[in-house]
Amino acid sequence: MTEEGLQAIILLAEGDMRKCLNVLQSAHMAYDEVNKTNVYLCTGEPIPEDIRSIFTSLLNEPIAKAYRFIYKLTQEKGMALIDVLTPLVALLAGVDLSAPTPKLPLRGTLRP
């Protein structure tokens, strides 16, 4: 078992020792090595790197491009919308959004 695998189990178990043992046992039975990727694959939870890439895409890409990226990723990895939204909200809760943001020009988009 790798250190990252152990940390993933602890994070996913949310303080529940029974869940921790069940995830450990499931990952051990399903894969030769209990590492971070295998723990997330075993539980069906999205890998944190995927959630961060979705978050980055939403912040930095035009909405149509971000939507295509998210759609493709969720289809390839078999993730449901709720599987993405729950950790995405948790990630967003930890982000400092108090910094001023540049205002986008709205010329031609609104009528007086």
Protein backbone atom coordinates (compact mmCIF):
# COMPACT_ATOMS: atom_id res chain seq x y z
CA MET A 1 0.00 0.00 0.00
CA THR A 2 1.29 3.44 -0.90
CA GLU A 3 1.10 6.51 1.33
CA GLU A 4 -1.15 8.22 -1.25
CA GLY A 5 -3.43 5.18 -1.22
CA LEU A 6 -3.73 5.33 2.55
CA GLN A 7 -4.48 9.07 2.44
CA ALA A 8 -7.15 8.49 -0.22
CA ILE A 9 -8.80 5.83 1.94
CA ILE A 10 -8.79 8.14 4.97
CA LEU A 11 -10.26 11.00 2.95
CA LEU A 12 -12.99 8.87 1.39
CA ALA A 13 -13.91 7.18 4.67
CA GLU A 14 -14.75 10.55 6.25
CA GLY A 15 -13.84 9.34 9.75
CA ASP A 16 -15.79 6.08 9.53
CA MET A 17 -13.44 3.21 10.45
CA ARG A 18 -15.80 0.57 9.00
CA LYS A 19 -15.83 2.36 5.66
CA CYS A 20 -12.06 2.71 5.83
CA LEU A 21 -11.63 -1.04 6.30
CA ASN A 22 -14.19 -1.86 3.60
CA VAL A 23 -12.46 0.40 1.06
CA LEU A 24 -9.06 -1.04 1.98
CA GLN A 25 -10.34 -4.60 1.62
CA SER A 26 -12.09 -3.85 -1.68
CA ALA A 27 -9.07 -2.13 -3.19
CA HIS A 28 -6.77 -4.92 -2.03
CA MET A 29 -9.00 -7.60 -3.54
CA ALA A 30 -9.49 -5.75 -6.83
CA TYR A 31 -5.92 -4.61 -7.49
CA ASP A 32 -2.40 -5.84 -6.87
CA GLU A 33 -1.43 -2.51 -5.31
CA VAL A 34 -3.50 -0.24 -3.09
CA ASN A 35 -2.58 3.19 -4.44
CA LYS A 36 -4.49 6.44 -4.85
CA THR A 37 -5.75 5.72 -8.36
CA ASN A 38 -6.88 2.20 -7.51
CA VAL A 39 -8.69 3.37 -4.36
CA TYR A 40 -10.65 5.96 -6.34
CA LEU A 41 -11.38 3.48 -9.13
CA CYS A 42 -12.56 0.91 -6.61
CA THR A 43 -14.96 3.32 -4.92
CA GLY A 44 -16.22 4.97 -8.09
CA GLU A 45 -15.33 8.42 -6.77
CA PRO A 46 -13.74 10.90 -9.18
CA ILE A 47 -10.00 11.37 -8.83
CA PRO A 48 -9.18 14.77 -7.25
CA GLU A 49 -7.00 15.70 -10.24
CA ASP A 50 -10.06 15.33 -12.50
CA ILE A 51 -12.09 17.62 -10.24
CA ARG A 52 -9.28 20.20 -10.22
CA SER A 53 -9.04 20.07 -14.02
CA ILE A 54 -12.81 20.61 -14.29
CA PHE A 55 -12.58 23.54 -11.86
CA THR A 56 -9.69 25.05 -13.82
CA SER A 57 -11.57 24.62 -17.07
CA LEU A 58 -14.65 26.34 -15.66
CA LEU A 59 -12.58 29.29 -14.48
CA ASN A 60 -10.33 29.72 -17.51
CA GLU A 61 -12.14 28.51 -20.60
CA PRO A 62 -15.16 29.84 -22.46
CA ILE A 63 -18.27 28.11 -21.18
CA ALA A 64 -18.82 26.11 -24.39
CA LYS A 65 -15.27 24.75 -24.32
CA ALA A 66 -15.48 23.97 -20.59
CA TYR A 67 -18.79 22.17 -21.16
CA ARG A 68 -17.29 20.02 -23.94
CA PHE A 69 -14.29 19.19 -21.73
CA ILE A 70 -16.49 18.20 -18.78
CA TYR A 71 -18.84 16.20 -20.98
CA LYS A 72 -15.96 14.29 -22.59
CA LEU A 73 -14.27 13.60 -19.24
CA THR A 74 -17.46 12.39 -17.56
CA GLN A 75 -18.30 10.14 -20.51
CA GLU A 76 -14.79 8.63 -20.63
CA LYS A 77 -14.67 7.99 -16.89
CA GLY A 78 -18.32 7.12 -16.33
CA MET A 79 -18.97 9.89 -13.82
CA ALA A 80 -22.46 11.10 -12.98
CA LEU A 81 -23.16 14.80 -12.50
CA ILE A 82 -23.56 14.39 -8.73
CA ASP A 83 -20.18 12.63 -8.60
CA VAL A 84 -18.63 15.78 -10.05
CA LEU A 85 -20.68 18.43 -8.26
CA THR A 86 -20.18 17.23 -4.69
CA PRO A 87 -16.35 17.43 -4.67
CA LEU A 88 -16.48 20.51 -6.92
CA VAL A 89 -18.56 22.36 -4.32
CA ALA A 90 -16.12 21.26 -1.60
CA LEU A 91 -13.22 22.56 -3.68
CA LEU A 92 -15.01 25.84 -4.34
CA ALA A 93 -15.70 26.28 -0.61
CA GLY A 94 -11.95 26.40 0.00
CA VAL A 95 -11.21 29.02 -2.65
CA ASP A 96 -10.78 32.68 -1.72
CA LEU A 97 -13.06 34.58 -4.09
CA SER A 98 -12.73 37.91 -2.29
CA ALA A 99 -10.04 39.20 -4.67
CA PRO A 100 -11.32 41.73 -7.21
CA THR A 101 -11.95 40.29 -10.64
CA PRO A 102 -11.70 42.15 -13.93
CA LYS A 103 -14.97 43.29 -15.38
CA LEU A 104 -15.81 41.97 -18.81
CA PRO A 105 -17.03 44.41 -21.43
CA LEU A 106 -20.68 43.89 -22.25
CA ARG A 107 -20.84 46.10 -25.32
CA GLY A 108 -23.43 44.92 -27.74
CA THR A 109 -24.89 42.34 -25.38
CA LEU A 110 -27.41 44.46 -23.52
CA ARG A 111 -29.99 46.83 -24.96
CA PRO A 112 -30.82 50.07 -23.13
